Amino acid sequence: MTCDKCRAQLILSEERGPVPAAAQEHLGQCHACQEFVQDGERLRKEVRLLAETEQAPRELREKIQAMFEDRAVSRKRQWLVWAGAAAALVLLVLGVYGWYYTRRSPTPDRLAREFITDYQSYLPGKAEIVSNSPRDIEQWFQGRVDFPVRVPALPAAAPVEARVCEIGNRKAALVHYRRESDQALISFFVAIEPPAFDQARKSVRVSTSYEGVNAALWCHRGLVFSLVGAIDEASLNQMAQAVRQQSP
């Protein structure tokens, strides 16, 4: 089965039921299609995040409401109404999504949520370097990002892998750790501090959570740092404090 056919089956299965066996077999062996699934899930999560803060224009909501209340609409016209409403909503979501990432200045809380979304989209095998050596990981990042990356020591956790990722059209260095007690995954992000943060002229420090995942975010000397993990908030904040104490 080709990638195109597999992806078409995956999309159809969202409405029609289970994924066919042939598509499942292809998916299990194809990293590109696995990333396709992960990217789709990430988009759905990000749209859900936008839905919590963004609302359709009042005029559009009123038009759609009027469509539903018109009981005299024929079956054929009713189908056209549904199709038109669905198309309008899709365009709205895509428009808001694009505007959000290209024009709107990020806030610390939104950026922390974006780090959480990346954490939730973790896919084994996507690491670009596998190593438990902080020195080797730091050297690997040189030339791949436009800022220095220091791999800190985390209490009762060790680095295992790293990669360069994109968070809201910004390059970020990502180091994964595993907690020794339960092998819980901890993500440590480093990126350039957005200009809007610096212009606010105040200390940035945020703690937030989403779907059972906690995040701690802070800024220091022009960089933004974030620790993310599906662990209790107290333990995550303890790790964040340990990282801040190691900052030069």
C-alpha atoms as a PDB file:
ATOM      1  CA  MET A   1       0.000   0.000   0.000  1.00  0.00           C
ATOM      2  CA  THR A   2       1.272   3.484  -0.881  1.00  0.00           C
ATOM      3  CA  CYS A   3       1.449   6.360   1.593  1.00  0.00           C
ATOM      4  CA  ASP A   4      -1.311   8.252  -0.241  1.00  0.00           C
ATOM      5  CA  LYS A   5      -3.697   5.296  -0.063  1.00  0.00           C
ATOM      6  CA  CYS A   6      -2.867   4.686   3.595  1.00  0.00           C
ATOM      7  CA  ARG A   7      -3.529   8.309   4.529  1.00  0.00           C
ATOM      8  CA  ALA A   8      -6.783   8.324   2.590  1.00  0.00           C
ATOM      9  CA  GLN A   9      -7.895   5.232   4.540  1.00  0.00           C
ATOM     10  CA  LEU A  10      -6.902   6.886   7.831  1.00  0.00           C
ATOM     11  CA  ILE A  11      -8.988   9.959   7.019  1.00  0.00           C
ATOM     12  CA  LEU A  12     -12.003   7.871   5.953  1.00  0.00           C
ATOM     13  CA  SER A  13     -11.757   5.735   9.084  1.00  0.00           C
ATOM     14  CA  GLU A  14     -12.446   8.795  11.255  1.00  0.00           C
ATOM     15  CA  GLU A  15     -16.055   8.665  10.003  1.00  0.00           C
ATOM     16  CA  ARG A  16     -16.530   5.103   8.796  1.00  0.00           C
ATOM     17  CA  GLY A  17     -14.960   3.061  11.581  1.00  0.00           C
ATOM     18  CA  PRO A  18     -11.816   0.949  12.146  1.00  0.00           C
ATOM     19  CA  VAL A  19      -8.672   1.389  10.046  1.00  0.00           C
ATOM     20  CA  PRO A  20      -8.352  -1.438   7.447  1.00  0.00           C
ATOM     21  CA  ALA A  21      -5.722  -4.078   8.239  1.00  0.00           C
ATOM     22  CA  ALA A  22      -3.602  -3.195   5.191  1.00  0.00           C
ATOM     23  CA  ALA A  23      -3.438   0.469   6.265  1.00  0.00           C
ATOM     24  CA  GLN A  24      -2.584  -0.545   9.842  1.00  0.00           C
ATOM     25  CA  GLU A  25       0.268  -2.724   8.572  1.00  0.00           C
ATOM     26  CA  HIS A  26       1.626   0.100   6.403  1.00  0.00           C
ATOM     27  CA  LEU A  27       1.322   2.585   9.278  1.00  0.00           C
ATOM     28  CA  GLY A  28       3.279   0.309  11.592  1.00  0.00           C
ATOM     29  CA  GLN A  29       6.227   0.310   9.177  1.00  0.00           C
ATOM     30  CA  CYS A  30       6.143   3.838   7.728  1.00  0.00           C
ATOM     31  CA  HIS A  31       7.617   6.653   9.821  1.00  0.00           C
ATOM     32  CA  ALA A  32       6.327   9.296   7.390  1.00  0.00           C
ATOM     33  CA  CYS A  33       2.728   8.138   7.846  1.00  0.00           C
ATOM     34  CA  GLN A  34       3.229   7.949  11.616  1.00  0.00           C
ATOM     35  CA  GLU A  35       4.302  11.594  11.537  1.00  0.00           C
ATOM     36  CA  PHE A  36       1.228  12.360   9.388  1.00  0.00           C
ATOM     37  CA  VAL A  37      -0.974  10.935  12.157  1.00  0.00           C
ATOM     38  CA  GLN A  38       0.932  12.862  14.832  1.00  0.00           C
ATOM     39  CA  ASP A  39       0.711  16.126  12.868  1.00  0.00           C
ATOM     40  CA  GLY A  40      -3.048  15.652  12.470  1.00  0.00           C
ATOM     41  CA  GLU A  41      -3.471  15.052  16.186  1.00  0.00           C
ATOM     42  CA  ARG A  42      -1.363  18.102  16.976  1.00  0.00           C
ATOM     43  CA  LEU A  43      -3.530  20.252  14.691  1.00  0.00           C
ATOM     44  CA  ARG A  44      -6.684  19.013  16.425  1.00  0.00           C
ATOM     45  CA  LYS A  45      -5.210  19.812  19.846  1.00  0.00           C
ATOM     46  CA  GLU A  46      -4.130  23.290  18.757  1.00  0.00           C
ATOM     47  CA  VAL A  47      -7.567  24.017  17.302  1.00  0.00           C
ATOM     48  CA  ARG A  48      -9.105  22.913  20.621  1.00  0.00           C
ATOM     49  CA  LEU A  49      -6.763  25.317  22.434  1.00  0.00           C
ATOM     50  CA  LEU A  50      -7.843  28.135  20.109  1.00  0.00           C
ATOM     51  CA  ALA A  51     -11.504  27.273  20.724  1.00  0.00           C
ATOM     52  CA  GLU A  52     -11.025  28.023  24.418  1.00  0.00           C
ATOM     53  CA  THR A  53     -10.102  31.656  23.753  1.00  0.00           C
ATOM     54  CA  GLU A  54     -11.373  32.515  20.259  1.00  0.00           C
ATOM     55  CA  GLN A  55     -15.010  32.925  19.186  1.00  0.00           C
ATOM     56  CA  ALA A  56     -16.670  33.119  15.776  1.00  0.00           C
ATOM     57  CA  PRO A  57     -17.838  36.593  14.711  1.00  0.00           C
ATOM     58  CA  ARG A  58     -21.321  37.486  15.942  1.00  0.00           C
ATOM     59  CA  GLU A  59     -22.656  37.874  12.383  1.00  0.00           C
ATOM     60  CA  LEU A  60     -21.607  34.331  11.430  1.00  0.00           C
ATOM     61  CA  ARG A  61     -23.079  32.831  14.607  1.00  0.00           C
ATOM     62  CA  GLU A  62     -26.385  34.627  13.979  1.00  0.00           C
ATOM     63  CA  LYS A  63     -26.545  33.387  10.368  1.00  0.00           C
ATOM     64  CA  ILE A  64     -25.917  29.783  11.386  1.00  0.00           C
ATOM     65  CA  GLN A  65     -28.480  30.018  14.182  1.00  0.00           C
ATOM     66  CA  ALA A  66     -31.056  31.349  11.704  1.00  0.00           C
ATOM     67  CA  MET A  67     -30.319  28.416   9.412  1.00  0.00           C
ATOM     68  CA  PHE A  68     -31.140  25.906  12.141  1.00  0.00           C
ATOM     69  CA  GLU A  69     -34.313  27.719  13.159  1.00  0.00           C
ATOM     70  CA  ASP A  70     -35.761  27.794   9.625  1.00  0.00           C
ATOM     71  CA  ARG A  71     -38.044  24.744   9.843  1.00  0.00           C
ATOM     72  CA  ALA A  72     -39.533  25.347   6.405  1.00  0.00           C
ATOM     73  CA  VAL A  73     -36.298  24.584   4.574  1.00  0.00           C
ATOM     74  CA  SER A  74     -36.553  21.723   2.083  1.00  0.00           C
ATOM     75  CA  ARG A  75     -34.306  18.651   2.365  1.00  0.00           C
ATOM     76  CA  LYS A  76     -32.208  19.732  -0.592  1.00  0.00           C
ATOM     77  CA  ARG A  77     -31.791  23.241   0.717  1.00  0.00           C
ATOM     78  CA  GLN A  78     -31.149  21.894   4.196  1.00  0.00           C
ATOM     79  CA  TRP A  79     -28.207  19.918   2.859  1.00  0.00           C
ATOM     80  CA  LEU A  80     -26.866  23.072   1.184  1.00  0.00           C
ATOM     81  CA  VAL A  81     -27.256  24.947   4.456  1.00  0.00           C
ATOM     82  CA  TRP A  82     -25.243  22.335   6.333  1.00  0.00           C
ATOM     83  CA  ALA A  83     -22.560  22.319   3.636  1.00  0.00           C
ATOM     84  CA  GLY A  84     -22.355  26.112   3.629  1.00  0.00           C
ATOM     85  CA  ALA A  85     -22.182  26.323   7.402  1.00  0.00           C
ATOM     86  CA  ALA A  86     -19.503  23.631   7.563  1.00  0.00           C
ATOM     87  CA  ALA A  87     -17.430  25.364   4.891  1.00  0.00           C
ATOM     88  CA  ALA A  88     -17.742  28.704   6.677  1.00  0.00           C
ATOM     89  CA  LEU A  89     -16.664  27.184   9.970  1.00  0.00           C
ATOM     90  CA  VAL A  90     -13.680  25.426   8.368  1.00  0.00           C
ATOM     91  CA  LEU A  91     -12.563  28.687   6.790  1.00  0.00           C
ATOM     92  CA  LEU A  92     -13.016  30.441  10.119  1.00  0.00           C
ATOM     93  CA  VAL A  93     -10.901  27.887  11.994  1.00  0.00           C
ATOM     94  CA  LEU A  94      -8.148  27.953   9.369  1.00  0.00           C
ATOM     95  CA  GLY A  95      -8.189  31.745   9.313  1.00  0.00           C
ATOM     96  CA  VAL A  96      -7.974  32.060  13.077  1.00  0.00           C
ATOM     97  CA  TYR A  97      -5.296  29.371  13.183  1.00  0.00           C
ATOM     98  CA  GLY A  98      -3.123  31.160  10.615  1.00  0.00           C
ATOM     99  CA  TRP A  99      -3.686  34.583  12.168  1.00  0.00           C
ATOM    100  CA  TYR A 100      -2.863  33.260  15.624  1.00  0.00           C
ATOM    101  CA  TYR A 101       0.562  32.007  14.570  1.00  0.00           C
ATOM    102  CA  THR A 102       1.604  34.743  12.175  1.00  0.00           C
ATOM    103  CA  ARG A 103       0.240  37.978  13.632  1.00  0.00           C
ATOM    104  CA  ARG A 104      -0.686  37.604  17.254  1.00  0.00           C
ATOM    105  CA  SER A 105       2.013  38.226  19.857  1.00  0.00           C
ATOM    106  CA  PRO A 106       2.348  35.145  22.058  1.00  0.00           C
ATOM    107  CA  THR A 107       1.710  35.386  25.770  1.00  0.00           C
ATOM    108  CA  PRO A 108       3.697  33.290  28.268  1.00  0.00           C
ATOM    109  CA  ASP A 109       0.637  31.153  29.008  1.00  0.00           C
ATOM    110  CA  ARG A 110      -0.063  30.461  25.315  1.00  0.00           C
ATOM    111  CA  LEU A 111       3.587  29.588  24.713  1.00  0.00           C
ATOM    112  CA  ALA A 112       3.550  27.206  27.676  1.00  0.00           C
ATOM    113  CA  ARG A 113       0.466  25.516  26.201  1.00  0.00           C
ATOM    114  CA  GLU A 114       2.276  25.136  22.864  1.00  0.00           C
ATOM    115  CA  PHE A 115       5.110  23.350  24.657  1.00  0.00           C
ATOM    116  CA  ILE A 116       2.507  21.051  26.240  1.00  0.00           C
ATOM    117  CA  THR A 117       1.063  20.290  22.793  1.00  0.00           C
ATOM    118  CA  ASP A 118       4.512  19.285  21.517  1.00  0.00           C
ATOM    119  CA  TYR A 119       4.986  17.074  24.578  1.00  0.00           C
ATOM    120  CA  GLN A 120       1.651  15.353  23.932  1.00  0.00           C
ATOM    121  CA  SER A 121       2.696  14.695  20.323  1.00  0.00           C
ATOM    122  CA  TYR A 122       5.867  12.846  21.345  1.00  0.00           C
ATOM    123  CA  LEU A 123       6.715  10.078  18.891  1.00  0.00           C
ATOM    124  CA  PRO A 124       9.496   7.558  19.682  1.00  0.00           C
ATOM    125  CA  GLY A 125      12.159   7.565  17.001  1.00  0.00           C
ATOM    126  CA  LYS A 126      11.913  11.271  16.143  1.00  0.00           C
ATOM    127  CA  ALA A 127      14.972  12.165  18.240  1.00  0.00           C
ATOM    128  CA  GLU A 128      17.898  13.483  16.213  1.00  0.00           C
ATOM    129  CA  ILE A 129      20.492  12.529  18.796  1.00  0.00           C
ATOM    130  CA  VAL A 130      20.265   9.738  21.379  1.00  0.00           C
ATOM    131  CA  SER A 131      22.674  10.273  24.257  1.00  0.00           C
ATOM    132  CA  ASN A 132      22.816  10.523  28.038  1.00  0.00           C
ATOM    133  CA  SER A 133      25.811  12.872  27.871  1.00  0.00           C
ATOM    134  CA  PRO A 134      24.942  16.556  28.474  1.00  0.00           C
ATOM    135  CA  ARG A 135      28.226  17.589  26.835  1.00  0.00           C
ATOM    136  CA  ASP A 136      27.523  15.616  23.651  1.00  0.00           C
ATOM    137  CA  ILE A 137      23.991  17.039  23.417  1.00  0.00           C
ATOM    138  CA  GLU A 138      25.213  20.609  23.944  1.00  0.00           C
ATOM    139  CA  GLN A 139      27.819  20.198  21.200  1.00  0.00           C
ATOM    140  CA  TRP A 140      25.242  18.680  18.853  1.00  0.00           C
ATOM    141  CA  PHE A 141      22.990  21.751  19.160  1.00  0.00           C
ATOM    142  CA  GLN A 142      25.841  24.080  18.129  1.00  0.00           C
ATOM    143  CA  GLY A 143      25.114  25.433  14.637  1.00  0.00           C
ATOM    144  CA  ARG A 144      21.603  23.932  14.627  1.00  0.00           C
ATOM    145  CA  VAL A 145      20.010  26.716  16.700  1.00  0.00           C
ATOM    146  CA  ASP A 146      20.935  30.389  16.990  1.00  0.00           C
ATOM    147  CA  PHE A 147      21.393  30.397  20.743  1.00  0.00           C
ATOM    148  CA  PRO A 148      23.508  28.515  23.301  1.00  0.00           C
ATOM    149  CA  VAL A 149      21.990  25.378  24.803  1.00  0.00           C
ATOM    150  CA  ARG A 150      23.059  24.180  28.227  1.00  0.00           C
ATOM    151  CA  VAL A 151      21.757  20.783  29.315  1.00  0.00           C
ATOM    152  CA  PRO A 152      21.058  21.093  33.055  1.00  0.00           C
ATOM    153  CA  ALA A 153      21.019  18.372  35.678  1.00  0.00           C
ATOM    154  CA  LEU A 154      17.495  17.456  36.800  1.00  0.00           C
ATOM    155  CA  PRO A 155      16.837  15.898  40.231  1.00  0.00           C
ATOM    156  CA  ALA A 156      16.474  12.107  39.861  1.00  0.00           C
ATOM    157  CA  ALA A 157      16.261  12.296  36.041  1.00  0.00           C
ATOM    158  CA  ALA A 158      18.736  11.800  33.199  1.00  0.00           C
ATOM    159  CA  PRO A 159      18.840  13.079  29.588  1.00  0.00           C
ATOM    160  CA  VAL A 160      18.156  10.440  26.934  1.00  0.00           C
ATOM    161  CA  GLU A 161      17.706  12.222  23.584  1.00  0.00           C
ATOM    162  CA  ALA A 162      17.302  15.597  21.885  1.00  0.00           C
ATOM    163  CA  ARG A 163      16.069  17.278  18.724  1.00  0.00           C
ATOM    164  CA  VAL A 164      15.290  20.655  17.168  1.00  0.00           C
ATOM    165  CA  CYS A 165      11.564  21.393  16.974  1.00  0.00           C
ATOM    166  CA  GLU A 166       9.309  24.261  15.901  1.00  0.00           C
ATOM    167  CA  ILE A 167       6.978  25.902  18.391  1.00  0.00           C
ATOM    168  CA  GLY A 168       4.697  28.493  16.795  1.00  0.00           C
ATOM    169  CA  ASN A 169       7.117  29.135  13.893  1.00  0.00           C
ATOM    170  CA  ARG A 170      10.026  29.490  16.314  1.00  0.00           C
ATOM    171  CA  LYS A 171      12.976  27.095  16.522  1.00  0.00           C
ATOM    172  CA  ALA A 172      13.366  25.456  19.908  1.00  0.00           C
ATOM    173  CA  ALA A 173      15.919  23.061  21.358  1.00  0.00           C
ATOM    174  CA  LEU A 174      14.272  20.077  23.027  1.00  0.00           C
ATOM    175  CA  VAL A 175      15.969  17.674  25.429  1.00  0.00           C
ATOM    176  CA  HIS A 176      14.087  14.661  26.746  1.00  0.00           C
ATOM    177  CA  TYR A 177      14.774  13.278  30.202  1.00  0.00           C
ATOM    178  CA  ARG A 178      13.523  10.118  31.923  1.00  0.00           C
ATOM    179  CA  ARG A 179      12.759  10.188  35.641  1.00  0.00           C
ATOM    180  CA  GLU A 180      14.594   7.344  37.366  1.00  0.00           C
ATOM    181  CA  SER A 181      11.748   6.272  39.650  1.00  0.00           C
ATOM    182  CA  ASP A 182       9.079   5.636  36.994  1.00  0.00           C
ATOM    183  CA  GLN A 183      10.663   6.483  33.595  1.00  0.00           C
ATOM    184  CA  ALA A 184       8.261   9.416  33.202  1.00  0.00           C
ATOM    185  CA  LEU A 185       9.125  11.601  30.200  1.00  0.00           C
ATOM    186  CA  ILE A 186      10.240  15.161  30.969  1.00  0.00           C
ATOM    187  CA  SER A 187      10.689  17.694  28.143  1.00  0.00           C
ATOM    188  CA  PHE A 188      13.094  20.624  28.521  1.00  0.00           C
ATOM    189  CA  PHE A 189      12.664  23.385  25.915  1.00  0.00           C
ATOM    190  CA  VAL A 190      14.910  26.352  25.132  1.00  0.00           C
ATOM    191  CA  ALA A 191      14.009  29.066  22.599  1.00  0.00           C
ATOM    192  CA  ILE A 192      14.668  32.735  21.933  1.00  0.00           C
ATOM    193  CA  GLU A 193      12.472  34.956  24.087  1.00  0.00           C
ATOM    194  CA  PRO A 194       9.678  36.560  21.997  1.00  0.00           C
ATOM    195  CA  PRO A 195      10.080  40.360  21.674  1.00  0.00           C
ATOM    196  CA  ALA A 196       6.664  40.878  23.311  1.00  0.00           C
ATOM    197  CA  PHE A 197       7.966  39.326  26.534  1.00  0.00           C
ATOM    198  CA  ASP A 198      10.960  41.666  26.720  1.00  0.00           C
ATOM    199  CA  GLN A 199       8.839  44.719  25.893  1.00  0.00           C
ATOM    200  CA  ALA A 200       6.618  43.972  28.890  1.00  0.00           C
ATOM    201  CA  ARG A 201       9.623  44.758  31.099  1.00  0.00           C
ATOM    202  CA  LYS A 202       8.642  42.375  33.844  1.00  0.00           C
ATOM    203  CA  SER A 203       9.753  38.980  35.071  1.00  0.00           C
ATOM    204  CA  VAL A 204       8.119  36.086  33.217  1.00  0.00           C
ATOM    205  CA  ARG A 205       7.322  32.946  35.201  1.00  0.00           C
ATOM    206  CA  VAL A 206       4.295  30.768  34.405  1.00  0.00           C
ATOM    207  CA  SER A 207       2.917  27.460  35.657  1.00  0.00           C
ATOM    208  CA  THR A 208       0.037  25.870  33.762  1.00  0.00           C
ATOM    209  CA  SER A 209      -1.511  22.485  33.032  1.00  0.00           C
ATOM    210  CA  TYR A 210      -3.587  20.875  30.285  1.00  0.00           C
ATOM    211  CA  GLU A 211      -5.069  17.374  30.060  1.00  0.00           C
ATOM    212  CA  GLY A 212      -2.968  16.102  32.951  1.00  0.00           C
ATOM    213  CA  VAL A 213       0.324  17.605  31.712  1.00  0.00           C
ATOM    214  CA  ASN A 214       2.052  20.335  33.741  1.00  0.00           C
ATOM    215  CA  ALA A 215       4.395  23.020  32.426  1.00  0.00           C
ATOM    216  CA  ALA A 216       6.693  25.549  34.069  1.00  0.00           C
ATOM    217  CA  LEU A 217       7.986  28.418  31.904  1.00  0.00           C
ATOM    218  CA  TRP A 218      10.374  31.253  32.646  1.00  0.00           C
ATOM    219  CA  CYS A 219      12.753  33.657  30.860  1.00  0.00           C
ATOM    220  CA  HIS A 220      16.400  34.444  31.504  1.00  0.00           C
ATOM    221  CA  ARG A 221      18.890  36.549  29.529  1.00  0.00           C
ATOM    222  CA  GLY A 222      16.936  36.636  26.290  1.00  0.00           C
ATOM    223  CA  LEU A 223      15.901  32.982  26.287  1.00  0.00           C
ATOM    224  CA  VAL A 224      12.674  31.236  27.293  1.00  0.00           C
ATOM    225  CA  PHE A 225      12.876  27.916  29.131  1.00  0.00           C
ATOM    226  CA  SER A 226      10.131  25.406  29.823  1.00  0.00           C
ATOM    227  CA  LEU A 227       9.896  22.085  31.627  1.00  0.00           C
ATOM    228  CA  VAL A 228       6.912  19.912  30.706  1.00  0.00           C
ATOM    229  CA  GLY A 229       5.801  16.544  32.031  1.00  0.00           C
ATOM    230  CA  ALA A 230       2.878  14.377  33.053  1.00  0.00           C
ATOM    231  CA  ILE A 231       4.061  14.451  36.646  1.00  0.00           C
ATOM    232  CA  ASP A 232       2.772  16.229  39.737  1.00  0.00           C
ATOM    233  CA  GLU A 233       3.134  20.001  39.811  1.00  0.00           C
ATOM    234  CA  ALA A 234       5.293  20.053  42.948  1.00  0.00           C
ATOM    235  CA  SER A 235       7.907  17.727  41.423  1.00  0.00           C
ATOM    236  CA  LEU A 236       7.975  19.691  38.167  1.00  0.00           C
ATOM    237  CA  ASN A 237       8.410  23.003  39.984  1.00  0.00           C
ATOM    238  CA  GLN A 238      11.208  21.470  42.053  1.00  0.00           C
ATOM    239  CA  MET A 239      12.983  20.508  38.832  1.00  0.00           C
ATOM    240  CA  ALA A 240      12.415  24.000  37.386  1.00  0.00           C
ATOM    241  CA  GLN A 241      13.897  25.574  40.491  1.00  0.00           C
ATOM    242  CA  ALA A 242      16.955  23.306  40.211  1.00  0.00           C
ATOM    243  CA  VAL A 243      17.449  24.400  36.569  1.00  0.00           C
ATOM    244  CA  ARG A 244      17.147  28.091  37.463  1.00  0.00           C
ATOM    245  CA  GLN A 245      19.775  27.703  40.179  1.00  0.00           C
ATOM    246  CA  GLN A 246      22.210  26.349  37.574  1.00  0.00           C
ATOM    247  CA  SER A 247      21.756  29.335  35.246  1.00  0.00           C
ATOM    248  CA  PRO A 248      24.851  31.568  34.947  1.00  0.00           C
END
